[in-house]
C-alpha cells in the first residue's frame, strides 16, 4: 500500500468480506488480517470497528499501534459503533 495507495479501497473491501466470513476462526489468516489492517490504516478503521468486541480487543493486542487510531476514529463516529465496541475502546464514559 505504500507504493500503490490506490489499492486501499479494494483491499478494505476484501477485508470487510473476511470479517463477514469470520476470519478470526482461522488463526494464521487472522494474524495476517490484523497485520493487513494495520498497514491499510486509516482506510481499514471502519472495517476493524465492525469486528465483534472481543476480536477487536484481540486485534489491538496483536497490533498495539491500532488502538490510538481506532480511538480517534471511533470518537468521531460513536453513533454508528456498537456499545460493546465503544466499551472495549474505553470510550463508554464519554
Protein backbone atom coordinates (compact mmCIF):
# COMPACT_ATOMS: atom_id res chain seq x y z
CA UNK A 1 0.00 0.00 0.00
CA UNK A 2 2.97 2.28 0.36
CA UNK A 3 3.71 2.02 -3.35
CA UNK A 4 0.10 1.71 -4.57
CA UNK A 5 -2.19 3.70 -2.26
CA UNK A 6 -4.97 3.49 -4.85
CA UNK A 7 -5.38 -0.16 -3.82
CA UNK A 8 -6.56 0.82 -0.33
CA UNK A 9 -10.26 0.80 -1.21
CA UNK A 10 -10.33 -2.61 -2.93
CA UNK A 11 -8.20 -4.13 -0.17
CA UNK A 12 -10.54 -2.79 2.50
CA UNK A 13 -13.49 -4.21 0.59
CA UNK A 14 -11.77 -7.60 0.76
CA UNK A 15 -11.06 -7.12 4.47
CA UNK A 16 -14.75 -6.42 5.03
CA UNK A 17 -15.66 -9.67 3.28
CA UNK A 18 -13.22 -11.53 5.51
CA UNK A 19 -14.95 -10.10 8.59
CA UNK A 20 -18.29 -11.29 7.22
CA UNK A 21 -16.76 -14.76 6.83
CA UNK A 22 -15.38 -14.72 10.40
CA UNK A 23 -11.69 -14.69 9.56
CA UNK A 24 -10.84 -14.94 13.27
CA UNK A 25 -11.73 -18.66 13.16
CA UNK A 26 -8.58 -19.31 11.11
CA UNK A 27 -5.65 -18.34 13.39
CA UNK A 28 -2.92 -17.95 10.76
CA UNK A 29 -5.17 -15.93 8.47
CA UNK A 30 -6.42 -13.87 11.42
CA UNK A 31 -2.86 -12.77 12.21
CA UNK A 32 -2.35 -11.72 8.58
CA UNK A 33 -5.70 -9.95 8.54
CA UNK A 34 -4.77 -7.88 11.58
CA UNK A 35 -1.38 -7.02 10.08
CA UNK A 36 -3.01 -6.01 6.80
CA UNK A 37 -5.45 -3.77 8.68
CA UNK A 38 -2.52 -2.09 10.39
CA UNK A 39 -0.79 -1.45 7.06
CA UNK A 40 -4.02 -0.20 5.45
CA UNK A 41 -4.76 2.39 8.15
CA UNK A 42 -6.63 4.74 8.16
CA UNK A 43 -8.77 3.11 5.45
CA UNK A 44 -9.21 -0.08 7.46
CA UNK A 45 -10.52 1.59 10.63
CA UNK A 46 -14.22 1.26 9.69
CA UNK A 47 -13.63 -2.43 8.92
CA UNK A 48 -11.97 -3.04 12.28
CA UNK A 49 -14.88 -1.41 14.08
CA UNK A 50 -17.25 -3.99 12.58
CA UNK A 51 -15.43 -6.78 14.42
CA UNK A 52 -17.03 -8.33 17.49
CA UNK A 53 -15.74 -6.58 20.62
CA UNK A 54 -13.62 -9.49 21.82
CA UNK A 55 -11.98 -9.85 18.40
CA UNK A 56 -11.27 -6.13 18.23
CA UNK A 57 -9.59 -6.39 21.64
CA UNK A 58 -7.50 -9.31 20.32
CA UNK A 59 -6.53 -7.29 17.24
CA UNK A 60 -5.36 -4.43 19.46
CA UNK A 61 -3.23 -6.87 21.45
CA UNK A 62 -1.68 -8.28 18.26
CA UNK A 63 -1.06 -4.80 16.78
CA UNK A 64 -0.94 -2.25 19.65
CA UNK A 65 -0.45 0.65 17.24
CA UNK A 66 -4.06 0.17 16.10
CA UNK A 67 -5.50 1.33 19.42
CA UNK A 68 -4.81 5.08 19.26
CA UNK A 69 -6.01 5.37 15.66
CA UNK A 70 -9.15 3.36 16.45
CA UNK A 71 -9.95 5.54 19.45
CA UNK A 72 -9.55 8.75 17.44
CA UNK A 73 -11.71 7.44 14.62
CA UNK A 74 -14.35 5.94 16.90
CA UNK A 75 -14.64 9.14 18.96
CA UNK A 76 -15.97 10.90 15.86
CA UNK A 77 -18.33 8.06 14.86
CA UNK A 78 -19.82 6.98 18.22
CA UNK A 79 -23.39 6.80 16.92
CA UNK A 80 -22.50 4.09 14.40
CA UNK A 81 -20.42 1.86 16.69
CA UNK A 82 -21.91 -0.91 18.87
CA UNK A 83 -21.80 -0.16 22.62
CA UNK A 84 -19.62 -3.17 23.41
CA UNK A 85 -17.01 -1.98 20.91
CA UNK A 86 -17.15 1.53 22.41
CA UNK A 87 -16.51 -0.04 25.80
CA UNK A 88 -13.52 -2.06 24.53
CA UNK A 89 -12.02 1.19 23.22
CA UNK A 90 -12.52 2.86 26.58
CA UNK A 91 -14.92 5.48 25.22
CA UNK A 92 -18.01 4.35 27.13
CA UNK A 93 -17.80 7.11 29.75
CA UNK A 94 -17.52 9.94 27.23
